[in-house]
Amino acid sequence: MIDAACHIDGKKYKDGDEWTYKEQFIMSCIGVKPANDPHHHFTWSTKVVACLGENGRRIRIGETVVEGDTEWACTADSNGGNVNLKKKTKIRVAVVGGK
């Protein structure tokens, strides 16, 4: 009997389960039953469903959030295959003795 779940790094996840990956992404296990399969076999895959900001804040794909002087953007390519977490930090410059 085949175990119906996603197996990642020695752990088992069921359909809809989420976990943190590389401290930057939230992954989800997805089970899909093909419509024309008389044996009701599922295919299993994983997908990045969100990014994580520095303080653990969930950032949806396509969303940009600002935390203090840092801007976090969770982006995906046009087919949703590659998800990236981008960080921009504002630099504050102090002018001393200027006119």
PDB file of N, CA and C in Angstrom:
ATOM      1  N   MET A   1       0.834  -1.182   0.000  1.00  0.00           N
ATOM      2  CA  MET A   1       0.000   0.000   0.000  1.00  0.00           C
ATOM      3  C   MET A   1       0.881   1.250   0.000  1.00  0.00           C
ATOM      4  N   ILE A   2       0.547   2.197  -0.857  1.00  0.00           N
ATOM      5  CA  ILE A   2       1.301   3.436  -0.949  1.00  0.00           C
ATOM      6  C   ILE A   2       0.787   4.419   0.098  1.00  0.00           C
ATOM      7  N   ASP A   3       1.719   5.048   0.785  1.00  0.00           N
ATOM      8  CA  ASP A   3       1.359   6.030   1.797  1.00  0.00           C
ATOM      9  C   ASP A   3       0.923   7.319   1.103  1.00  0.00           C
ATOM     10  N   ALA A   4      -0.307   7.741   1.321  1.00  0.00           N
ATOM     11  CA  ALA A   4      -0.870   8.905   0.640  1.00  0.00           C
ATOM     12  C   ALA A   4      -0.514  10.190   1.377  1.00  0.00           C
ATOM     13  N   ALA A   5       0.613  10.766   1.018  1.00  0.00           N
ATOM     14  CA  ALA A   5       1.055  11.998   1.652  1.00  0.00           C
ATOM     15  C   ALA A   5       2.297  12.517   0.939  1.00  0.00           C
ATOM     16  N   CYS A   6       2.698  13.733   1.289  1.00  0.00           N
ATOM     17  CA  CYS A   6       3.961  14.303   0.816  1.00  0.00           C
ATOM     18  C   CYS A   6       5.030  13.954   1.846  1.00  0.00           C
ATOM     19  N   HIS A   7       6.146  13.479   1.382  1.00  0.00           N
ATOM     20  CA  HIS A   7       7.272  13.141   2.257  1.00  0.00           C
ATOM     21  C   HIS A   7       8.403  14.118   1.975  1.00  0.00           C
ATOM     22  N   ILE A   8       8.713  14.963   2.952  1.00  0.00           N
ATOM     23  CA  ILE A   8       9.728  15.998   2.791  1.00  0.00           C
ATOM     24  C   ILE A   8      10.672  15.953   3.988  1.00  0.00           C
ATOM     25  N   ASP A   9      11.972  15.795   3.710  1.00  0.00           N
ATOM     26  CA  ASP A   9      12.998  15.798   4.762  1.00  0.00           C
ATOM     27  C   ASP A   9      12.651  14.874   5.925  1.00  0.00           C
ATOM     28  N   GLY A  10      12.142  13.678   5.608  1.00  0.00           N
ATOM     29  CA  GLY A  10      11.835  12.684   6.626  1.00  0.00           C
ATOM     30  C   GLY A  10      10.528  12.909   7.367  1.00  0.00           C
ATOM     31  N   LYS A  11       9.765  13.916   6.974  1.00  0.00           N
ATOM     32  CA  LYS A  11       8.477  14.189   7.616  1.00  0.00           C
ATOM     33  C   LYS A  11       7.355  13.931   6.625  1.00  0.00           C
ATOM     34  N   LYS A  12       6.174  13.597   7.153  1.00  0.00           N
ATOM     35  CA  LYS A  12       5.010  13.296   6.326  1.00  0.00           C
ATOM     36  C   LYS A  12       3.957  14.382   6.511  1.00  0.00           C
ATOM     37  N   TYR A  13       3.435  14.880   5.385  1.00  0.00           N
ATOM     38  CA  TYR A  13       2.406  15.917   5.401  1.00  0.00           C
ATOM     39  C   TYR A  13       1.205  15.445   4.595  1.00  0.00           C
ATOM     40  N   LYS A  14       0.012  15.708   5.130  1.00  0.00           N
ATOM     41  CA  LYS A  14      -1.231  15.344   4.449  1.00  0.00           C
ATOM     42  C   LYS A  14      -1.700  16.504   3.576  1.00  0.00           C
ATOM     43  N   ASP A  15      -2.702  16.241   2.770  1.00  0.00           N
ATOM     44  CA  ASP A  15      -3.274  17.252   1.896  1.00  0.00           C
ATOM     45  C   ASP A  15      -3.680  18.491   2.701  1.00  0.00           C
ATOM     46  N   GLY A  16      -3.164  19.653   2.309  1.00  0.00           N
ATOM     47  CA  GLY A  16      -3.488  20.905   2.988  1.00  0.00           C
ATOM     48  C   GLY A  16      -2.544  21.284   4.117  1.00  0.00           C
ATOM     49  N   ASP A  17      -1.702  20.355   4.577  1.00  0.00           N
ATOM     50  CA  ASP A  17      -0.745  20.683   5.636  1.00  0.00           C
ATOM     51  C   ASP A  17       0.255  21.721   5.131  1.00  0.00           C
ATOM     52  N   GLU A  18       0.697  22.601   6.039  1.00  0.00           N
ATOM     53  CA  GLU A  18       1.693  23.614   5.703  1.00  0.00           C
ATOM     54  C   GLU A  18       2.886  23.509   6.643  1.00  0.00           C
ATOM     55  N   TRP A  19       4.063  23.923   6.159  1.00  0.00           N
ATOM     56  CA  TRP A  19       5.273  23.933   6.964  1.00  0.00           C
ATOM     57  C   TRP A  19       6.211  25.011   6.438  1.00  0.00           C
ATOM     58  N   THR A  20       7.182  25.387   7.267  1.00  0.00           N
ATOM     59  CA  THR A  20       8.170  26.395   6.899  1.00  0.00           C
ATOM     60  C   THR A  20       9.353  25.716   6.220  1.00  0.00           C
ATOM     61  N   TYR A  21       9.811  26.339   5.133  1.00  0.00           N
ATOM     62  CA  TYR A  21      10.943  25.816   4.376  1.00  0.00           C
ATOM     63  C   TYR A  21      12.026  26.890   4.292  1.00  0.00           C
ATOM     64  N   LYS A  22      13.231  26.545   4.713  1.00  0.00           N
ATOM     65  CA  LYS A  22      14.397  27.443   4.688  1.00  0.00           C
ATOM     66  C   LYS A  22      14.141  28.771   5.393  1.00  0.00           C
ATOM     67  N   GLU A  23      13.260  28.776   6.368  1.00  0.00           N
ATOM     68  CA  GLU A  23      12.941  29.945   7.189  1.00  0.00           C
ATOM     69  C   GLU A  23      12.474  31.145   6.374  1.00  0.00           C
ATOM     70  N   GLN A  24      12.098  30.931   5.095  1.00  0.00           N
ATOM     71  CA  GLN A  24      11.664  32.040   4.239  1.00  0.00           C
ATOM     72  C   GLN A  24      10.345  31.772   3.522  1.00  0.00           C
ATOM     73  N   PHE A  25       9.932  30.508   3.450  1.00  0.00           N
ATOM     74  CA  PHE A  25       8.764  30.168   2.655  1.00  0.00           C
ATOM     75  C   PHE A  25       7.806  29.264   3.428  1.00  0.00           C
ATOM     76  N   ILE A  26       6.522  29.349   3.092  1.00  0.00           N
ATOM     77  CA  ILE A  26       5.524  28.431   3.630  1.00  0.00           C
ATOM     78  C   ILE A  26       5.109  27.518   2.482  1.00  0.00           C
ATOM     79  N   MET A  27       5.288  26.225   2.698  1.00  0.00           N
ATOM     80  CA  MET A  27       4.970  25.211   1.700  1.00  0.00           C
ATOM     81  C   MET A  27       3.657  24.538   2.076  1.00  0.00           C
ATOM     82  N   SER A  28       2.998  23.951   1.069  1.00  0.00           N
ATOM     83  CA  SER A  28       1.768  23.208   1.309  1.00  0.00           C
ATOM     84  C   SER A  28       1.815  21.899   0.530  1.00  0.00           C
ATOM     85  N   CYS A  29       1.242  20.863   1.119  1.00  0.00           N
ATOM     86  CA  CYS A  29       1.104  19.562   0.462  1.00  0.00           C
ATOM     87  C   CYS A  29      -0.243  19.554  -0.262  1.00  0.00           C
ATOM     88  N   ILE A  30      -0.225  19.110  -1.517  1.00  0.00           N
ATOM     89  CA  ILE A  30      -1.444  19.118  -2.326  1.00  0.00           C
ATOM     90  C   ILE A  30      -1.664  17.728  -2.919  1.00  0.00           C
ATOM     91  N   GLY A  31      -2.815  17.156  -2.626  1.00  0.00           N
ATOM     92  CA  GLY A  31      -3.202  15.871  -3.199  1.00  0.00           C
ATOM     93  C   GLY A  31      -4.298  16.072  -4.227  1.00  0.00           C
ATOM     94  N   VAL A  32      -4.100  15.540  -5.438  1.00  0.00           N
ATOM     95  CA  VAL A  32      -5.082  15.717  -6.511  1.00  0.00           C
ATOM     96  C   VAL A  32      -5.470  14.347  -7.049  1.00  0.00           C
ATOM     97  N   LYS A  33      -6.777  14.101  -7.121  1.00  0.00           N
ATOM     98  CA  LYS A  33      -7.275  12.846  -7.690  1.00  0.00           C
ATOM     99  C   LYS A  33      -7.642  13.105  -9.149  1.00  0.00           C
ATOM    100  N   PRO A  34      -6.946  12.449 -10.087  1.00  0.00           N
ATOM    101  CA  PRO A  34      -7.298  12.624 -11.496  1.00  0.00           C
ATOM    102  C   PRO A  34      -8.738  12.182 -11.748  1.00  0.00           C
ATOM    103  N   ALA A  35      -9.468  12.953 -12.522  1.00  0.00           N
ATOM    104  CA  ALA A  35     -10.884  12.689 -12.776  1.00  0.00           C
ATOM    105  C   ALA A  35     -11.120  11.352 -13.472  1.00  0.00           C
ATOM    106  N   ASN A  36     -10.183  10.916 -14.301  1.00  0.00           N
ATOM    107  CA  ASN A  36     -10.392   9.684 -15.070  1.00  0.00           C
ATOM    108  C   ASN A  36      -9.699   8.466 -14.462  1.00  0.00           C
ATOM    109  N   ASP A  37      -9.345   8.516 -13.201  1.00  0.00           N
ATOM    110  CA  ASP A  37      -8.661   7.391 -12.542  1.00  0.00           C
ATOM    111  C   ASP A  37      -9.680   6.532 -11.789  1.00  0.00           C
ATOM    112  N   PRO A  38      -9.995   5.335 -12.311  1.00  0.00           N
ATOM    113  CA  PRO A  38     -10.989   4.477 -11.651  1.00  0.00           C
ATOM    114  C   PRO A  38     -10.510   3.909 -10.318  1.00  0.00           C
ATOM    115  N   HIS A  39      -9.189   3.971 -10.058  1.00  0.00           N
ATOM    116  CA  HIS A  39      -8.631   3.406  -8.822  1.00  0.00           C
ATOM    117  C   HIS A  39      -8.500   4.448  -7.713  1.00  0.00           C
ATOM    118  N   HIS A  40      -8.872   5.681  -8.005  1.00  0.00           N
ATOM    119  CA  HIS A  40      -8.846   6.773  -7.014  1.00  0.00           C
ATOM    120  C   HIS A  40      -7.449   7.036  -6.466  1.00  0.00           C
ATOM    121  N   HIS A  41      -6.434   6.909  -7.324  1.00  0.00           N
ATOM    122  CA  HIS A  41      -5.067   7.251  -6.918  1.00  0.00           C
ATOM    123  C   HIS A  41      -4.906   8.764  -6.916  1.00  0.00           C
ATOM    124  N   PHE A  42      -4.168   9.257  -5.958  1.00  0.00           N
ATOM    125  CA  PHE A  42      -3.886  10.682  -5.886  1.00  0.00           C
ATOM    126  C   PHE A  42      -2.477  10.934  -6.402  1.00  0.00           C
ATOM    127  N   THR A  43      -2.252  12.112  -6.959  1.00  0.00           N
ATOM    128  CA  THR A  43      -0.891  12.565  -7.220  1.00  0.00           C
ATOM    129  C   THR A  43      -0.585  13.606  -6.152  1.00  0.00           C
ATOM    130  N   TRP A  44       0.642  13.612  -5.671  1.00  0.00           N
ATOM    131  CA  TRP A  44       1.020  14.475  -4.565  1.00  0.00           C
ATOM    132  C   TRP A  44       2.097  15.444  -5.014  1.00  0.00           C
ATOM    133  N   SER A  45       1.962  16.700  -4.603  1.00  0.00           N
ATOM    134  CA  SER A  45       2.961  17.704  -4.930  1.00  0.00           C
ATOM    135  C   SER A  45       3.041  18.718  -3.798  1.00  0.00           C
ATOM    136  N   THR A  46       4.066  19.532  -3.869  1.00  0.00           N
ATOM    137  CA  THR A  46       4.223  20.618  -2.899  1.00  0.00           C
ATOM    138  C   THR A  46       4.238  21.938  -3.652  1.00  0.00           C
ATOM    139  N   LYS A  47       3.866  23.001  -2.942  1.00  0.00           N
ATOM    140  CA  LYS A  47       3.803  24.318  -3.559  1.00  0.00           C
ATOM    141  C   LYS A  47       4.120  25.375  -2.513  1.00  0.00           C
ATOM    142  N   VAL A  48       4.864  26.411  -2.913  1.00  0.00           N
ATOM    143  CA  VAL A  48       5.073  27.561  -2.040  1.00  0.00           C
ATOM    144  C   VAL A  48       3.782  28.369  -2.053  1.00  0.00           C
ATOM    145  N   VAL A  49       3.211  28.612  -0.877  1.00  0.00           N
ATOM    146  CA  VAL A  49       1.947  29.353  -0.792  1.00  0.00           C
ATOM    147  C   VAL A  49       2.114  30.755  -0.201  1.00  0.00           C
ATOM    148  N   ALA A  50       3.271  31.037   0.407  1.00  0.00           N
ATOM    149  CA  ALA A  50       3.534  32.362   0.977  1.00  0.00           C
ATOM    150  C   ALA A  50       5.007  32.454   1.342  1.00  0.00           C
ATOM    151  N   CYS A  51       5.436  33.673   1.650  1.00  0.00           N
ATOM    152  CA  CYS A  51       6.792  33.915   2.143  1.00  0.00           C
ATOM    153  C   CYS A  51       6.716  34.316   3.611  1.00  0.00           C
ATOM    154  N   LEU A  52       7.871  34.324   4.269  1.00  0.00           N
ATOM    155  CA  LEU A  52       7.945  34.747   5.671  1.00  0.00           C
ATOM    156  C   LEU A  52       8.888  35.929   5.788  1.00  0.00           C
ATOM    157  N   GLY A  53       8.409  37.011   6.414  1.00  0.00           N
ATOM    158  CA  GLY A  53       9.266  38.147   6.710  1.00  0.00           C
ATOM    159  C   GLY A  53      10.199  37.796   7.862  1.00  0.00           C
ATOM    160  N   GLU A  54      11.083  38.728   8.172  1.00  0.00           N
ATOM    161  CA  GLU A  54      12.103  38.480   9.192  1.00  0.00           C
ATOM    162  C   GLU A  54      11.515  38.118  10.553  1.00  0.00           C
ATOM    163  N   ASN A  55      10.379  38.711  10.907  1.00  0.00           N
ATOM    164  CA  ASN A  55       9.777  38.433  12.215  1.00  0.00           C
ATOM    165  C   ASN A  55       8.749  37.303  12.161  1.00  0.00           C
ATOM    166  N   GLY A  56       8.749  36.545  11.040  1.00  0.00           N
ATOM    167  CA  GLY A  56       7.826  35.429  10.910  1.00  0.00           C
ATOM    168  C   GLY A  56       6.466  35.807  10.341  1.00  0.00           C
ATOM    169  N   ARG A  57       6.311  37.056   9.907  1.00  0.00           N
ATOM    170  CA  ARG A  57       5.038  37.508   9.328  1.00  0.00           C
ATOM    171  C   ARG A  57       4.807  36.816   7.981  1.00  0.00           C
ATOM    172  N   ARG A  58       3.605  36.314   7.795  1.00  0.00           N
ATOM    173  CA  ARG A  58       3.208  35.655   6.541  1.00  0.00           C
ATOM    174  C   ARG A  58       2.954  36.733   5.485  1.00  0.00           C
ATOM    175  N   ILE A  59       3.629  36.607   4.334  1.00  0.00           N
ATOM    176  CA  ILE A  59       3.489  37.554   3.240  1.00  0.00           C
ATOM    177  C   ILE A  59       2.964  36.780   2.033  1.00  0.00           C
ATOM    178  N   ARG A  60       1.767  37.135   1.582  1.00  0.00           N
ATOM    179  CA  ARG A  60       1.165  36.445   0.443  1.00  0.00           C
ATOM    180  C   ARG A  60       1.968  36.689  -0.829  1.00  0.00           C
ATOM    181  N   ILE A  61       1.926  35.743  -1.748  1.00  0.00           N
ATOM    182  CA  ILE A  61       2.583  35.921  -3.038  1.00  0.00           C
ATOM    183  C   ILE A  61       1.931  37.114  -3.738  1.00  0.00           C
ATOM    184  N   GLY A  62       2.758  38.049  -4.199  1.00  0.00           N
ATOM    185  CA  GLY A  62       2.273  39.271  -4.826  1.00  0.00           C
ATOM    186  C   GLY A  62       2.136  40.431  -3.858  1.00  0.00           C
ATOM    187  N   GLU A  63       2.375  40.198  -2.574  1.00  0.00           N
ATOM    188  CA  GLU A  63       2.216  41.227  -1.547  1.00  0.00           C
ATOM    189  C   GLU A  63       3.572  41.827  -1.182  1.00  0.00           C
ATOM    190  N   THR A  64       3.561  43.123  -0.851  1.00  0.00           N
ATOM    191  CA  THR A  64       4.734  43.823  -0.337  1.00  0.00           C
ATOM    192  C   THR A  64       4.350  44.414   1.012  1.00  0.00           C
ATOM    193  N   VAL A  65       5.195  44.212   2.018  1.00  0.00           N
ATOM    194  CA  VAL A  65       4.940  44.776   3.343  1.00  0.00           C
ATOM    195  C   VAL A  65       6.171  45.556   3.806  1.00  0.00           C
ATOM    196  N   VAL A  66       5.933  46.546   4.649  1.00  0.00           N
ATOM    197  CA  VAL A  66       7.018  47.343   5.206  1.00  0.00           C
ATOM    198  C   VAL A  66       7.051  47.108   6.705  1.00  0.00           C
ATOM    199  N   GLU A  67       8.232  46.756   7.197  1.00  0.00           N
ATOM    200  CA  GLU A  67       8.453  46.559   8.629  1.00  0.00           C
ATOM    201  C   GLU A  67       9.619  47.451   9.026  1.00  0.00           C
ATOM    202  N   GLY A  68       9.319  48.572   9.677  1.00  0.00           N
ATOM    203  CA  GLY A  68      10.370  49.523  10.035  1.00  0.00           C
ATOM    204  C   GLY A  68      10.997  50.111   8.781  1.00  0.00           C
ATOM    205  N   ASP A  69      12.306  49.975   8.638  1.00  0.00           N
ATOM    206  CA  ASP A  69      13.016  50.487   7.474  1.00  0.00           C
ATOM    207  C   ASP A  69      13.185  49.432   6.375  1.00  0.00           C
ATOM    208  N   THR A  70      12.508  48.306   6.517  1.00  0.00           N
ATOM    209  CA  THR A  70      12.691  47.209   5.567  1.00  0.00           C
ATOM    210  C   THR A  70      11.405  46.921   4.805  1.00  0.00           C
ATOM    211  N   GLU A  71      11.543  46.770   3.500  1.00  0.00           N
ATOM    212  CA  GLU A  71      10.425  46.406   2.634  1.00  0.00           C
ATOM    213  C   GLU A  71      10.631  44.965   2.167  1.00  0.00           C
ATOM    214  N   TRP A  72       9.603  44.138   2.361  1.00  0.00           N
ATOM    215  CA  TRP A  72       9.644  42.733   1.959  1.00  0.00           C
ATOM    216  C   TRP A  72       8.648  42.530   0.823  1.00  0.00           C
ATOM    217  N   ALA A  73       9.077  41.857  -0.244  1.00  0.00           N
ATOM    218  CA  ALA A  73       8.194  41.565  -1.375  1.00  0.00           C
ATOM    219  C   ALA A  73       8.263  40.076  -1.673  1.00  0.00           C
ATOM    220  N   CYS A  74       7.107  39.440  -1.718  1.00  0.00           N
ATOM    221  CA  CYS A  74       7.004  38.022  -2.066  1.00  0.00           C
ATOM    222  C   CYS A  74       6.504  37.976  -3.510  1.00  0.00           C
ATOM    223  N   THR A  75       7.353  37.536  -4.423  1.00  0.00           N
ATOM    224  CA  THR A  75       7.021  37.564  -5.844  1.00  0.00           C
ATOM    225  C   THR A  75       7.106  36.169  -6.451  1.00  0.00           C
ATOM    226  N   ALA A  76       6.408  36.000  -7.563  1.00  0.00           N
ATOM    227  CA  ALA A  76       6.456  34.739  -8.310  1.00  0.00           C
ATOM    228  C   ALA A  76       6.585  35.063  -9.789  1.00  0.00           C
ATOM    229  N   ASP A  77       7.210  34.152 -10.542  1.00  0.00           N
ATOM    230  CA  ASP A  77       7.282  34.371 -11.983  1.00  0.00           C
ATOM    231  C   ASP A  77       5.900  34.165 -12.597  1.00  0.00           C
ATOM    232  N   SER A  78       5.775  34.394 -13.885  1.00  0.00           N
ATOM    233  CA  SER A  78       4.455  34.409 -14.533  1.00  0.00           C
ATOM    234  C   SER A  78       3.695  33.096 -14.430  1.00  0.00           C
ATOM    235  N   ASN A  79       4.398  31.960 -14.329  1.00  0.00           N
ATOM    236  CA  ASN A  79       3.688  30.678 -14.199  1.00  0.00           C
ATOM    237  C   ASN A  79       3.603  30.212 -12.751  1.00  0.00           C
ATOM    238  N   GLY A  80       4.094  31.009 -11.806  1.00  0.00           N
ATOM    239  CA  GLY A  80       4.010  30.677 -10.386  1.00  0.00           C
ATOM    240  C   GLY A  80       5.003  29.627  -9.934  1.00  0.00           C
ATOM    241  N   GLY A  81       5.929  29.245 -10.838  1.00  0.00           N
ATOM    242  CA  GLY A  81       6.878  28.180 -10.518  1.00  0.00           C
ATOM    243  C   GLY A  81       7.993  28.590  -9.575  1.00  0.00           C
ATOM    244  N   ASN A  82       8.488  29.803  -9.704  1.00  0.00           N
ATOM    245  CA  ASN A  82       9.577  30.285  -8.861  1.00  0.00           C
ATOM    246  C   ASN A  82       9.079  31.420  -7.989  1.00  0.00           C
ATOM    247  N   VAL A  83       9.190  31.238  -6.680  1.00  0.00           N
ATOM    248  CA  VAL A  83       8.767  32.260  -5.724  1.00  0.00           C
ATOM    249  C   VAL A  83      10.016  32.815  -5.062  1.00  0.00           C
ATOM    250  N   ASN A  84      10.085  34.140  -4.928  1.00  0.00           N
ATOM    251  CA  ASN A  84      11.242  34.796  -4.331  1.00  0.00           C
ATOM    252  C   ASN A  84      10.799  35.741  -3.220  1.00  0.00           C
ATOM    253  N   LEU A  85      11.644  35.848  -2.206  1.00  0.00           N
ATOM    254  CA  LEU A  85      11.444  36.817  -1.139  1.00  0.00           C
ATOM    255  C   LEU A  85      12.520  37.870  -1.302  1.00  0.00           C
ATOM    256  N   LYS A  86      12.102  39.108  -1.572  1.00  0.00           N
ATOM    257  CA  LYS A  86      13.048  40.194  -1.793  1.00  0.00           C
ATOM    258  C   LYS A  86      12.997  41.161  -0.619  1.00  0.00           C
ATOM    259  N   LYS A  87      14.181  41.602  -0.218  1.00  0.00           N
ATOM    260  CA  LYS A  87      14.305  42.509   0.924  1.00  0.00           C
ATOM    261  C   LYS A  87      15.004  43.788   0.470  1.00  0.00           C
ATOM    262  N   LYS A  88      14.390  44.946   0.794  1.00  0.00           N
ATOM    263  CA  LYS A  88      15.006  46.244   0.533  1.00  0.00           C
ATOM    264  C   LYS A  88      15.072  46.990   1.855  1.00  0.00           C
ATOM    265  N   THR A  89      16.239  47.521   2.165  1.00  0.00           N
ATOM    266  CA  THR A  89      16.403  48.280   3.395  1.00  0.00           C
ATOM    267  C   THR A  89      16.707  49.730   3.052  1.00  0.00           C
ATOM    268  N   LYS A  90      15.974  50.645   3.671  1.00  0.00           N
ATOM    269  CA  LYS A  90      16.216  52.069   3.465  1.00  0.00           C
ATOM    270  C   LYS A  90      17.467  52.469   4.230  1.00  0.00           C
ATOM    271  N   ILE A  91      18.301  53.246   3.590  1.00  0.00           N
ATOM    272  CA  ILE A  91      19.519  53.734   4.246  1.00  0.00           C
ATOM    273  C   ILE A  91      19.268  55.167   4.695  1.00  0.00           C
ATOM    274  N   ARG A  92      19.513  55.406   5.960  1.00  0.00           N
ATOM    275  CA  ARG A  92      19.334  56.758   6.503  1.00  0.00           C
ATOM    276  C   ARG A  92      20.701  57.423   6.563  1.00  0.00           C
ATOM    277  N   VAL A  93      20.757  58.597   6.017  1.00  0.00           N
ATOM    278  CA  VAL A  93      22.008  59.346   5.991  1.00  0.00           C
ATOM    279  C   VAL A  93      21.837  60.591   6.850  1.00  0.00           C
ATOM    280  N   ALA A  94      22.758  60.801   7.752  1.00  0.00           N
ATOM    281  CA  ALA A  94      22.736  62.000   8.591  1.00  0.00           C
ATOM    282  C   ALA A  94      23.733  63.009   8.025  1.00  0.00           C
ATOM    283  N   VAL A  95      23.257  64.210   7.803  1.00  0.00           N
ATOM    284  CA  VAL A  95      24.120  65.279   7.313  1.00  0.00           C
ATOM    285  C   VAL A  95      24.528  66.119   8.513  1.00  0.00           C
ATOM    286  N   VAL A  96      25.825  66.217   8.704  1.00  0.00           N
ATOM    287  CA  VAL A  96      26.341  66.965   9.849  1.00  0.00           C
ATOM    288  C   VAL A  96      27.061  68.205   9.337  1.00  0.00           C
ATOM    289  N   GLY A  97      26.665  69.365   9.871  1.00  0.00           N
ATOM    290  CA  GLY A  97      27.345  70.611   9.530  1.00  0.00           C
ATOM    291  C   GLY A  97      27.062  71.118   8.127  1.00  0.00           C
ATOM    292  N   GLY A  98      26.069  70.566   7.448  1.00  0.00           N
ATOM    293  CA  GLY A  98      25.745  71.028   6.106  1.00  0.00           C
ATOM    294  C   GLY A  98      24.830  72.240   6.119  1.00  0.00           C
ATOM    295  N   LYS A  99      24.816  72.979   5.020  1.00  0.00           N
ATOM    296  CA  LYS A  99      23.922  74.149   4.911  1.00  0.00           C
ATOM    297  C   LYS A  99      22.946  73.951   3.812  1.00  0.00           C
TER     298      LYS A  99
END
